[in-house]
Amino acid sequence: MTRKETVGDVAKESIPLNTGAVIRTPGNTKKYHTGSWRTFRPVIDQKTCIKCGTCWRVCPDAAIYIDKDGKYRINYDYCKGCLICFRECPVKAISKELEQK
């Protein structure tokens, strides 16, 4: 795309503009598993979990989901190990484990 910059009545030269900050293929992050570099992984204790949804709400990677049985689970392909869920769980149902590589 080319546009003309003008100042008053004086036209400047045409400046080519590149398209930026455009996602051309929606949902493209699904093919990039970003959880491979974490140091710690959160683990949900299903017996202690009260299903309040706090972990799901605070997860910046949307790695926590609810399974068909209504239990909160972690998709480790996308969990980066920030442990925000671990810190925010009101009943401490989430523990942290050292990632085994």
PDB file of N, CA and C in Angstrom:
ATOM      1  N   MET A   1       0.851  -1.155   0.000  1.00  0.00           N
ATOM      2  CA  MET A   1       0.000   0.000   0.000  1.00  0.00           C
ATOM      3  C   MET A   1       0.906   1.231   0.000  1.00  0.00           C
ATOM      4  N   THR A   2       0.530   2.247  -0.719  1.00  0.00           N
ATOM      5  CA  THR A   2       1.267   3.501  -0.765  1.00  0.00           C
ATOM      6  C   THR A   2       0.320   4.626  -0.404  1.00  0.00           C
ATOM      7  N   ARG A   3       0.794   5.559   0.367  1.00  0.00           N
ATOM      8  CA  ARG A   3      -0.044   6.699   0.704  1.00  0.00           C
ATOM      9  C   ARG A   3       0.747   7.979   0.512  1.00  0.00           C
ATOM     10  N   LYS A   4       0.062   9.043   0.278  1.00  0.00           N
ATOM     11  CA  LYS A   4       0.694  10.356   0.107  1.00  0.00           C
ATOM     12  C   LYS A   4       0.643  11.098   1.434  1.00  0.00           C
ATOM     13  N   GLU A   5       1.770  11.571   1.885  1.00  0.00           N
ATOM     14  CA  GLU A   5       1.843  12.416   3.074  1.00  0.00           C
ATOM     15  C   GLU A   5       1.738  13.861   2.609  1.00  0.00           C
ATOM     16  N   THR A   6       0.921  14.620   3.236  1.00  0.00           N
ATOM     17  CA  THR A   6       0.795  16.022   2.855  1.00  0.00           C
ATOM     18  C   THR A   6       0.945  16.918   4.066  1.00  0.00           C
ATOM     19  N   VAL A   7       1.537  18.070   3.835  1.00  0.00           N
ATOM     20  CA  VAL A   7       1.630  19.103   4.849  1.00  0.00           C
ATOM     21  C   VAL A   7       1.062  20.353   4.191  1.00  0.00           C
ATOM     22  N   GLY A   8      -0.109  20.748   4.629  1.00  0.00           N
ATOM     23  CA  GLY A   8      -0.763  21.884   3.973  1.00  0.00           C
ATOM     24  C   GLY A   8      -1.060  21.546   2.525  1.00  0.00           C
ATOM     25  N   ASP A   9      -0.559  22.357   1.623  1.00  0.00           N
ATOM     26  CA  ASP A   9      -0.773  22.122   0.197  1.00  0.00           C
ATOM     27  C   ASP A   9       0.406  21.427  -0.459  1.00  0.00           C
ATOM     28  N   VAL A  10       1.473  21.146   0.305  1.00  0.00           N
ATOM     29  CA  VAL A  10       2.685  20.578  -0.279  1.00  0.00           C
ATOM     30  C   VAL A  10       2.663  19.060  -0.110  1.00  0.00           C
ATOM     31  N   ALA A  11       2.678  18.337  -1.229  1.00  0.00           N
ATOM     32  CA  ALA A  11       2.676  16.872  -1.185  1.00  0.00           C
ATOM     33  C   ALA A  11       4.107  16.367  -1.066  1.00  0.00           C
ATOM     34  N   LYS A  12       4.330  15.440  -0.140  1.00  0.00           N
ATOM     35  CA  LYS A  12       5.635  14.808  -0.014  1.00  0.00           C
ATOM     36  C   LYS A  12       5.665  13.581  -0.901  1.00  0.00           C
ATOM     37  N   GLU A  13       6.793  12.934  -0.958  1.00  0.00           N
ATOM     38  CA  GLU A  13       6.898  11.734  -1.783  1.00  0.00           C
ATOM     39  C   GLU A  13       6.050  10.605  -1.214  1.00  0.00           C
ATOM     40  N   SER A  14       5.698   9.665  -2.062  1.00  0.00           N
ATOM     41  CA  SER A  14       4.927   8.502  -1.619  1.00  0.00           C
ATOM     42  C   SER A  14       5.800   7.616  -0.751  1.00  0.00           C
ATOM     43  N   ILE A  15       5.231   7.117   0.336  1.00  0.00           N
ATOM     44  CA  ILE A  15       5.968   6.262   1.265  1.00  0.00           C
ATOM     45  C   ILE A  15       5.304   4.888   1.274  1.00  0.00           C
ATOM     46  N   PRO A  16       6.049   3.834   0.916  1.00  0.00           N
ATOM     47  CA  PRO A  16       5.440   2.507   0.969  1.00  0.00           C
ATOM     48  C   PRO A  16       5.256   2.079   2.434  1.00  0.00           C
ATOM     49  N   LEU A  17       4.095   1.548   2.750  1.00  0.00           N
ATOM     50  CA  LEU A  17       3.804   1.086   4.105  1.00  0.00           C
ATOM     51  C   LEU A  17       3.629  -0.421   4.100  1.00  0.00           C
ATOM     52  N   ASN A  18       4.265  -1.078   5.048  1.00  0.00           N
ATOM     53  CA  ASN A  18       4.092  -2.510   5.217  1.00  0.00           C
ATOM     54  C   ASN A  18       2.958  -2.768   6.191  1.00  0.00           C
ATOM     55  N   THR A  19       2.209  -3.812   5.956  1.00  0.00           N
ATOM     56  CA  THR A  19       1.156  -4.193   6.878  1.00  0.00           C
ATOM     57  C   THR A  19       1.818  -4.773   8.120  1.00  0.00           C
ATOM     58  N   GLY A  20       1.452  -4.266   9.277  1.00  0.00           N
ATOM     59  CA  GLY A  20       2.054  -4.744  10.516  1.00  0.00           C
ATOM     60  C   GLY A  20       1.009  -5.140  11.528  1.00  0.00           C
ATOM     61  N   ALA A  21       1.398  -5.965  12.471  1.00  0.00           N
ATOM     62  CA  ALA A  21       0.543  -6.393  13.576  1.00  0.00           C
ATOM     63  C   ALA A  21      -0.766  -7.008  13.088  1.00  0.00           C
ATOM     64  N   VAL A  22      -0.677  -7.814  12.066  1.00  0.00           N
ATOM     65  CA  VAL A  22      -1.861  -8.467  11.522  1.00  0.00           C
ATOM     66  C   VAL A  22      -1.666  -9.973  11.609  1.00  0.00           C
ATOM     67  N   ILE A  23      -2.618 -10.652  12.209  1.00  0.00           N
ATOM     68  CA  ILE A  23      -2.580 -12.111  12.257  1.00  0.00           C
ATOM     69  C   ILE A  23      -3.385 -12.607  11.068  1.00  0.00           C
ATOM     70  N   ARG A  24      -2.700 -13.186  10.124  1.00  0.00           N
ATOM     71  CA  ARG A  24      -3.354 -13.611   8.896  1.00  0.00           C
ATOM     72  C   ARG A  24      -4.014 -14.986   9.023  1.00  0.00           C
ATOM     73  N   THR A  25      -3.559 -15.783   9.984  1.00  0.00           N
ATOM     74  CA  THR A  25      -4.151 -17.103  10.184  1.00  0.00           C
ATOM     75  C   THR A  25      -4.632 -17.217  11.630  1.00  0.00           C
ATOM     76  N   PRO A  26      -5.892 -16.965  11.893  1.00  0.00           N
ATOM     77  CA  PRO A  26      -6.407 -17.025  13.260  1.00  0.00           C
ATOM     78  C   PRO A  26      -6.193 -18.398  13.888  1.00  0.00           C
ATOM     79  N   GLY A  27      -5.924 -18.407  15.175  1.00  0.00           N
ATOM     80  CA  GLY A  27      -5.724 -19.664  15.890  1.00  0.00           C
ATOM     81  C   GLY A  27      -4.381 -20.297  15.618  1.00  0.00           C
ATOM     82  N   ASN A  28      -3.442 -19.529  15.105  1.00  0.00           N
ATOM     83  CA  ASN A  28      -2.169 -20.104  14.709  1.00  0.00           C
ATOM     84  C   ASN A  28      -1.288 -20.524  15.875  1.00  0.00           C
ATOM     85  N   THR A  29      -1.570 -20.085  17.102  1.00  0.00           N
ATOM     86  CA  THR A  29      -0.738 -20.480  18.228  1.00  0.00           C
ATOM     87  C   THR A  29      -0.999 -21.916  18.672  1.00  0.00           C
ATOM     88  N   LYS A  30      -2.055 -22.531  18.191  1.00  0.00           N
ATOM     89  CA  LYS A  30      -2.334 -23.917  18.577  1.00  0.00           C
ATOM     90  C   LYS A  30      -1.262 -24.868  18.105  1.00  0.00           C
ATOM     91  N   LYS A  31      -0.567 -24.515  17.043  1.00  0.00           N
ATOM     92  CA  LYS A  31       0.456 -25.427  16.537  1.00  0.00           C
ATOM     93  C   LYS A  31       1.814 -25.232  17.213  1.00  0.00           C
ATOM     94  N   TYR A  32       1.933 -24.211  18.068  1.00  0.00           N
ATOM     95  CA  TYR A  32       3.193 -23.954  18.764  1.00  0.00           C
ATOM     96  C   TYR A  32       3.053 -24.335  20.230  1.00  0.00           C
ATOM     97  N   HIS A  33       3.655 -25.419  20.616  1.00  0.00           N
ATOM     98  CA  HIS A  33       3.606 -25.871  22.004  1.00  0.00           C
ATOM     99  C   HIS A  33       4.662 -25.085  22.771  1.00  0.00           C
ATOM    100  N   THR A  34       4.189 -24.219  23.652  1.00  0.00           N
ATOM    101  CA  THR A  34       5.073 -23.272  24.328  1.00  0.00           C
ATOM    102  C   THR A  34       5.497 -23.722  25.721  1.00  0.00           C
ATOM    103  N   GLY A  35       5.051 -24.870  26.167  1.00  0.00           N
ATOM    104  CA  GLY A  35       5.358 -25.305  27.522  1.00  0.00           C
ATOM    105  C   GLY A  35       6.630 -26.105  27.664  1.00  0.00           C
ATOM    106  N   SER A  36       7.438 -26.162  26.649  1.00  0.00           N
ATOM    107  CA  SER A  36       8.612 -27.037  26.690  1.00  0.00           C
ATOM    108  C   SER A  36       9.787 -26.455  27.466  1.00  0.00           C
ATOM    109  N   TRP A  37       9.739 -25.203  27.874  1.00  0.00           N
ATOM    110  CA  TRP A  37      10.897 -24.603  28.525  1.00  0.00           C
ATOM    111  C   TRP A  37      10.685 -24.294  30.006  1.00  0.00           C
ATOM    112  N   ARG A  38       9.585 -24.737  30.595  1.00  0.00           N
ATOM    113  CA  ARG A  38       9.336 -24.392  31.995  1.00  0.00           C
ATOM    114  C   ARG A  38      10.270 -25.165  32.928  1.00  0.00           C
ATOM    115  N   THR A  39      10.473 -24.604  34.119  1.00  0.00           N
ATOM    116  CA  THR A  39      11.283 -25.232  35.159  1.00  0.00           C
ATOM    117  C   THR A  39      10.391 -25.975  36.138  1.00  0.00           C
ATOM    118  N   PHE A  40       9.273 -25.345  36.519  1.00  0.00           N
ATOM    119  CA  PHE A  40       8.310 -25.967  37.423  1.00  0.00           C
ATOM    120  C   PHE A  40       6.986 -26.150  36.698  1.00  0.00           C
ATOM    121  N   ARG A  41       6.269 -27.167  37.110  1.00  0.00           N
ATOM    122  CA  ARG A  41       4.934 -27.404  36.551  1.00  0.00           C
ATOM    123  C   ARG A  41       3.928 -27.447  37.688  1.00  0.00           C
ATOM    124  N   PRO A  42       2.774 -26.805  37.498  1.00  0.00           N
ATOM    125  CA  PRO A  42       1.734 -26.872  38.515  1.00  0.00           C
ATOM    126  C   PRO A  42       0.978 -28.195  38.409  1.00  0.00           C
ATOM    127  N   VAL A  43       0.573 -28.711  39.544  1.00  0.00           N
ATOM    128  CA  VAL A  43      -0.188 -29.969  39.590  1.00  0.00           C
ATOM    129  C   VAL A  43      -1.415 -29.735  40.466  1.00  0.00           C
ATOM    130  N   ILE A  44      -2.588 -30.045  39.937  1.00  0.00           N
ATOM    131  CA  ILE A  44      -3.834 -29.835  40.679  1.00  0.00           C
ATOM    132  C   ILE A  44      -4.201 -31.101  41.449  1.00  0.00           C
ATOM    133  N   ASP A  45      -4.411 -30.956  42.760  1.00  0.00           N
ATOM    134  CA  ASP A  45      -4.894 -32.055  43.597  1.00  0.00           C
ATOM    135  C   ASP A  45      -6.419 -32.028  43.518  1.00  0.00           C
ATOM    136  N   GLN A  46      -6.995 -32.970  42.794  1.00  0.00           N
ATOM    137  CA  GLN A  46      -8.440 -32.984  42.556  1.00  0.00           C
ATOM    138  C   GLN A  46      -9.246 -33.185  43.839  1.00  0.00           C
ATOM    139  N   LYS A  47      -8.658 -33.807  44.865  1.00  0.00           N
ATOM    140  CA  LYS A  47      -9.367 -34.016  46.132  1.00  0.00           C
ATOM    141  C   LYS A  47      -9.503 -32.720  46.925  1.00  0.00           C
ATOM    142  N   THR A  48      -8.546 -31.830  46.782  1.00  0.00           N
ATOM    143  CA  THR A  48      -8.553 -30.568  47.514  1.00  0.00           C
ATOM    144  C   THR A  48      -9.262 -29.459  46.749  1.00  0.00           C
ATOM    145  N   CYS A  49      -9.266 -29.550  45.435  1.00  0.00           N
ATOM    146  CA  CYS A  49      -9.846 -28.508  44.570  1.00  0.00           C
ATOM    147  C   CYS A  49     -11.333 -28.316  44.864  1.00  0.00           C
ATOM    148  N   ILE A  50     -11.755 -27.056  45.026  1.00  0.00           N
ATOM    149  CA  ILE A  50     -13.168 -26.746  45.285  1.00  0.00           C
ATOM    150  C   ILE A  50     -13.867 -26.231  44.022  1.00  0.00           C
ATOM    151  N   LYS A  51     -13.178 -26.285  42.902  1.00  0.00           N
ATOM    152  CA  LYS A  51     -13.725 -25.882  41.587  1.00  0.00           C
ATOM    153  C   LYS A  51     -14.203 -24.429  41.584  1.00  0.00           C
ATOM    154  N   CYS A  52     -13.415 -23.541  42.190  1.00  0.00           N
ATOM    155  CA  CYS A  52     -13.783 -22.119  42.235  1.00  0.00           C
ATOM    156  C   CYS A  52     -13.466 -21.405  40.925  1.00  0.00           C
ATOM    157  N   GLY A  53     -12.543 -21.953  40.135  1.00  0.00           N
ATOM    158  CA  GLY A  53     -12.207 -21.352  38.850  1.00  0.00           C
ATOM    159  C   GLY A  53     -11.150 -20.271  38.903  1.00  0.00           C
ATOM    160  N   THR A  54     -10.580 -20.028  40.067  1.00  0.00           N
ATOM    161  CA  THR A  54      -9.560 -18.983  40.175  1.00  0.00           C
ATOM    162  C   THR A  54      -8.366 -19.301  39.287  1.00  0.00           C
ATOM    163  N   CYS A  55      -7.906 -20.527  39.282  1.00  0.00           N
ATOM    164  CA  CYS A  55      -6.747 -20.908  38.462  1.00  0.00           C
ATOM    165  C   CYS A  55      -7.037 -20.687  36.980  1.00  0.00           C
ATOM    166  N   TRP A  56      -8.229 -21.038  36.576  1.00  0.00           N
ATOM    167  CA  TRP A  56      -8.641 -20.874  35.178  1.00  0.00           C
ATOM    168  C   TRP A  56      -8.667 -19.397  34.783  1.00  0.00           C
ATOM    169  N   ARG A  57      -9.158 -18.556  35.686  1.00  0.00           N
ATOM    170  CA  ARG A  57      -9.256 -17.120  35.398  1.00  0.00           C
ATOM    171  C   ARG A  57      -7.903 -16.428  35.344  1.00  0.00           C
ATOM    172  N   VAL A  58      -6.960 -16.834  36.179  1.00  0.00           N
ATOM    173  CA  VAL A  58      -5.684 -16.116  36.260  1.00  0.00           C
ATOM    174  C   VAL A  58      -4.611 -16.659  35.321  1.00  0.00           C
ATOM    175  N   CYS A  59      -4.840 -17.785  34.691  1.00  0.00           N
ATOM    176  CA  CYS A  59      -3.822 -18.379  33.811  1.00  0.00           C
ATOM    177  C   CYS A  59      -3.615 -17.494  32.577  1.00  0.00           C
ATOM    178  N   PRO A  60      -2.429 -16.906  32.415  1.00  0.00           N
ATOM    179  CA  PRO A  60      -2.194 -16.030  31.275  1.00  0.00           C
ATOM    180  C   PRO A  60      -2.056 -16.772  29.947  1.00  0.00           C
ATOM    181  N   ASP A  61      -1.883 -18.076  29.994  1.00  0.00           N
ATOM    182  CA  ASP A  61      -1.690 -18.863  28.776  1.00  0.00           C
ATOM    183  C   ASP A  61      -2.932 -19.654  28.376  1.00  0.00           C
ATOM    184  N   ALA A  62      -4.013 -19.522  29.136  1.00  0.00           N
ATOM    185  CA  ALA A  62      -5.234 -20.298  28.896  1.00  0.00           C
ATOM    186  C   ALA A  62      -4.919 -21.791  28.834  1.00  0.00           C
ATOM    187  N   ALA A  63      -4.010 -22.229  29.686  1.00  0.00           N
ATOM    188  CA  ALA A  63      -3.593 -23.631  29.718  1.00  0.00           C
ATOM    189  C   ALA A  63      -4.459 -24.472  30.645  1.00  0.00           C
ATOM    190  N   ILE A  64      -5.304 -23.844  31.441  1.00  0.00           N
ATOM    191  CA  ILE A  64      -6.177 -24.573  32.353  1.00  0.00           C
ATOM    192  C   ILE A  64      -7.565 -24.639  31.732  1.00  0.00           C
ATOM    193  N   TYR A  65      -8.129 -25.818  31.762  1.00  0.00           N
ATOM    194  CA  TYR A  65      -9.443 -26.036  31.156  1.00  0.00           C
ATOM    195  C   TYR A  65     -10.269 -26.941  32.057  1.00  0.00           C
ATOM    196  N   ILE A  66     -11.559 -27.022  31.761  1.00  0.00           N
ATOM    197  CA  ILE A  66     -12.463 -27.887  32.519  1.00  0.00           C
ATOM    198  C   ILE A  66     -12.773 -29.099  31.649  1.00  0.00           C
ATOM    199  N   ASP A  67     -12.528 -30.287  32.178  1.00  0.00           N
ATOM    200  CA  ASP A  67     -12.792 -31.493  31.389  1.00  0.00           C
ATOM    201  C   ASP A  67     -14.278 -31.856  31.426  1.00  0.00           C
ATOM    202  N   LYS A  68     -14.636 -32.925  30.756  1.00  0.00           N
ATOM    203  CA  LYS A  68     -16.054 -33.306  30.650  1.00  0.00           C
ATOM    204  C   LYS A  68     -16.668 -33.691  31.990  1.00  0.00           C
ATOM    205  N   ASP A  69     -15.829 -34.021  32.994  1.00  0.00           N
ATOM    206  CA  ASP A  69     -16.316 -34.364  34.330  1.00  0.00           C
ATOM    207  C   ASP A  69     -16.378 -33.156  35.259  1.00  0.00           C
ATOM    208  N   GLY A  70     -16.062 -31.963  34.722  1.00  0.00           N
ATOM    209  CA  GLY A  70     -16.102 -30.754  35.527  1.00  0.00           C
ATOM    210  C   GLY A  70     -14.856 -30.510  36.356  1.00  0.00           C
ATOM    211  N   LYS A  71     -13.793 -31.250  36.088  1.00  0.00           N
ATOM    212  CA  LYS A  71     -12.541 -31.077  36.830  1.00  0.00           C
ATOM    213  C   LYS A  71     -11.611 -30.145  36.064  1.00  0.00           C
ATOM    214  N   TYR A  72     -10.876 -29.336  36.819  1.00  0.00           N
ATOM    215  CA  TYR A  72      -9.897 -28.441  36.209  1.00  0.00           C
ATOM    216  C   TYR A  72      -8.638 -29.235  35.891  1.00  0.00           C
ATOM    217  N   ARG A  73      -8.162 -29.079  34.681  1.00  0.00           N
ATOM    218  CA  ARG A  73      -6.972 -29.783  34.199  1.00  0.00           C
ATOM    219  C   ARG A  73      -6.008 -28.766  33.598  1.00  0.00           C
ATOM    220  N   ILE A  74      -4.760 -29.169  33.447  1.00  0.00           N
ATOM    221  CA  ILE A  74      -3.738 -28.297  32.870  1.00  0.00           C
ATOM    222  C   ILE A  74      -3.224 -28.920  31.584  1.00  0.00           C
ATOM    223  N   ASN A  75      -3.227 -28.142  30.526  1.00  0.00           N
ATOM    224  CA  ASN A  75      -2.654 -28.583  29.264  1.00  0.00           C
ATOM    225  C   ASN A  75      -1.180 -28.188  29.285  1.00  0.00           C
ATOM    226  N   TYR A  76      -0.321 -29.152  29.539  1.00  0.00           N
ATOM    227  CA  TYR A  76       1.105 -28.887  29.702  1.00  0.00           C
ATOM    228  C   TYR A  76       1.802 -28.536  28.391  1.00  0.00           C
ATOM    229  N   ASP A  77       1.139 -28.712  27.271  1.00  0.00           N
ATOM    230  CA  ASP A  77       1.725 -28.267  26.007  1.00  0.00           C
ATOM    231  C   ASP A  77       1.819 -26.744  25.966  1.00  0.00           C
ATOM    232  N   TYR A  78       0.931 -26.060  26.699  1.00  0.00           N
ATOM    233  CA  TYR A  78       0.883 -24.606  26.658  1.00  0.00           C
ATOM    234  C   TYR A  78       1.223 -23.938  27.981  1.00  0.00           C
ATOM    235  N   CYS A  79       1.270 -24.686  29.069  1.00  0.00           N
ATOM    236  CA  CYS A  79       1.615 -24.129  30.381  1.00  0.00           C
ATOM    237  C   CYS A  79       3.108 -23.790  30.401  1.00  0.00           C
ATOM    238  N   LYS A  80       3.419 -22.531  30.706  1.00  0.00           N
ATOM    239  CA  LYS A  80       4.817 -22.090  30.730  1.00  0.00           C
ATOM    240  C   LYS A  80       5.434 -22.157  32.123  1.00  0.00           C
ATOM    241  N   GLY A  81       4.636 -22.559  33.111  1.00  0.00           N
ATOM    242  CA  GLY A  81       5.175 -22.728  34.457  1.00  0.00           C
ATOM    243  C   GLY A  81       5.338 -21.434  35.232  1.00  0.00           C
ATOM    244  N   CYS A  82       4.500 -20.446  34.966  1.00  0.00           N
ATOM    245  CA  CYS A  82       4.606 -19.171  35.692  1.00  0.00           C
ATOM    246  C   CYS A  82       4.174 -19.314  37.147  1.00  0.00           C
ATOM    247  N   LEU A  83       3.345 -20.319  37.437  1.00  0.00           N
ATOM    248  CA  LEU A  83       2.861 -20.647  38.780  1.00  0.00           C
ATOM    249  C   LEU A  83       1.950 -19.581  39.383  1.00  0.00           C
ATOM    250  N   ILE A  84       1.341 -18.765  38.554  1.00  0.00           N
ATOM    251  CA  ILE A  84       0.348 -17.814  39.064  1.00  0.00           C
ATOM    252  C   ILE A  84      -0.819 -18.598  39.670  1.00  0.00           C
ATOM    253  N   CYS A  85      -1.225 -19.668  39.016  1.00  0.00           N
ATOM    254  CA  CYS A  85      -2.319 -20.497  39.540  1.00  0.00           C
ATOM    255  C   CYS A  85      -1.963 -21.060  40.915  1.00  0.00           C
ATOM    256  N   PHE A  86      -0.743 -21.486  41.086  1.00  0.00           N
ATOM    257  CA  PHE A  86      -0.239 -22.025  42.351  1.00  0.00           C
ATOM    258  C   PHE A  86      -0.336 -20.971  43.457  1.00  0.00           C
ATOM    259  N   ARG A  87       0.057 -19.736  43.141  1.00  0.00           N
ATOM    260  CA  ARG A  87       0.038 -18.660  44.132  1.00  0.00           C
ATOM    261  C   ARG A  87      -1.376 -18.169  44.443  1.00  0.00           C
ATOM    262  N   GLU A  88      -2.276 -18.254  43.487  1.00  0.00           N
ATOM    263  CA  GLU A  88      -3.611 -17.685  43.650  1.00  0.00           C
ATOM    264  C   GLU A  88      -4.667 -18.668  44.160  1.00  0.00           C
ATOM    265  N   CYS A  89      -4.392 -19.952  44.152  1.00  0.00           N
ATOM    266  CA  CYS A  89      -5.386 -20.937  44.589  1.00  0.00           C
ATOM    267  C   CYS A  89      -5.743 -20.702  46.062  1.00  0.00           C
ATOM    268  N   PRO A  90      -7.018 -20.425  46.360  1.00  0.00           N
ATOM    269  CA  PRO A  90      -7.402 -20.098  47.730  1.00  0.00           C
ATOM    270  C   PRO A  90      -7.317 -21.268  48.706  1.00  0.00           C
ATOM    271  N   VAL A  91      -7.356 -22.502  48.215  1.00  0.00           N
ATOM    272  CA  VAL A  91      -7.301 -23.661  49.110  1.00  0.00           C
ATOM    273  C   VAL A  91      -5.999 -24.449  48.945  1.00  0.00           C
ATOM    274  N   LYS A  92      -5.055 -23.882  48.213  1.00  0.00           N
ATOM    275  CA  LYS A  92      -3.734 -24.505  48.002  1.00  0.00           C
ATOM    276  C   LYS A  92      -3.849 -25.907  47.410  1.00  0.00           C
ATOM    277  N   ALA A  93      -4.772 -26.053  46.446  1.00  0.00           N
ATOM    278  CA  ALA A  93      -4.956 -27.344  45.775  1.00  0.00           C
ATOM    279  C   ALA A  93      -3.952 -27.546  44.648  1.00  0.00           C
ATOM    280  N   ILE A  94      -3.164 -26.540  44.368  1.00  0.00           N
ATOM    281  CA  ILE A  94      -2.152 -26.632  43.307  1.00  0.00           C
ATOM    282  C   ILE A  94      -0.767 -26.616  43.931  1.00  0.00           C
ATOM    283  N   SER A  95       0.004 -27.615  43.598  1.00  0.00           N
ATOM    284  CA  SER A  95       1.388 -27.676  44.077  1.00  0.00           C
ATOM    285  C   SER A  95       2.309 -27.475  42.886  1.00  0.00           C
ATOM    286  N   LYS A  96       3.590 -27.306  43.162  1.00  0.00           N
ATOM    287  CA  LYS A  96       4.551 -27.178  42.075  1.00  0.00           C
ATOM    288  C   LYS A  96       5.542 -28.325  42.140  1.00  0.00           C
ATOM    289  N   GLU A  97       5.869 -28.819  40.974  1.00  0.00           N
ATOM    290  CA  GLU A  97       6.848 -29.901  40.849  1.00  0.00           C
ATOM    291  C   GLU A  97       7.949 -29.457  39.918  1.00  0.00           C
ATOM    292  N   LEU A  98       9.156 -29.919  40.188  1.00  0.00           N
ATOM    293  CA  LEU A  98      10.259 -29.670  39.274  1.00  0.00           C
ATOM    294  C   LEU A  98       9.999 -30.422  37.984  1.00  0.00           C
ATOM    295  N   GLU A  99      10.132 -29.733  36.875  1.00  0.00           N
ATOM    296  CA  GLU A  99       9.882 -30.354  35.563  1.00  0.00           C
ATOM    297  C   GLU A  99      10.964 -31.404  35.270  1.00  0.00           C
ATOM    298  N   GLN A 100      10.535 -32.577  34.906  1.00  0.00           N
ATOM    299  CA  GLN A 100      11.453 -33.651  34.528  1.00  0.00           C
ATOM    300  C   GLN A 100      11.617 -33.632  33.015  1.00  0.00           C
ATOM    301  N   LYS A 101      12.790 -33.372  32.535  1.00  0.00           N
ATOM    302  CA  LYS A 101      13.011 -33.276  31.082  1.00  0.00           C
ATOM    303  C   LYS A 101      13.598 -34.550  30.547  1.00  0.00           C
TER     304      LYS A 101
END
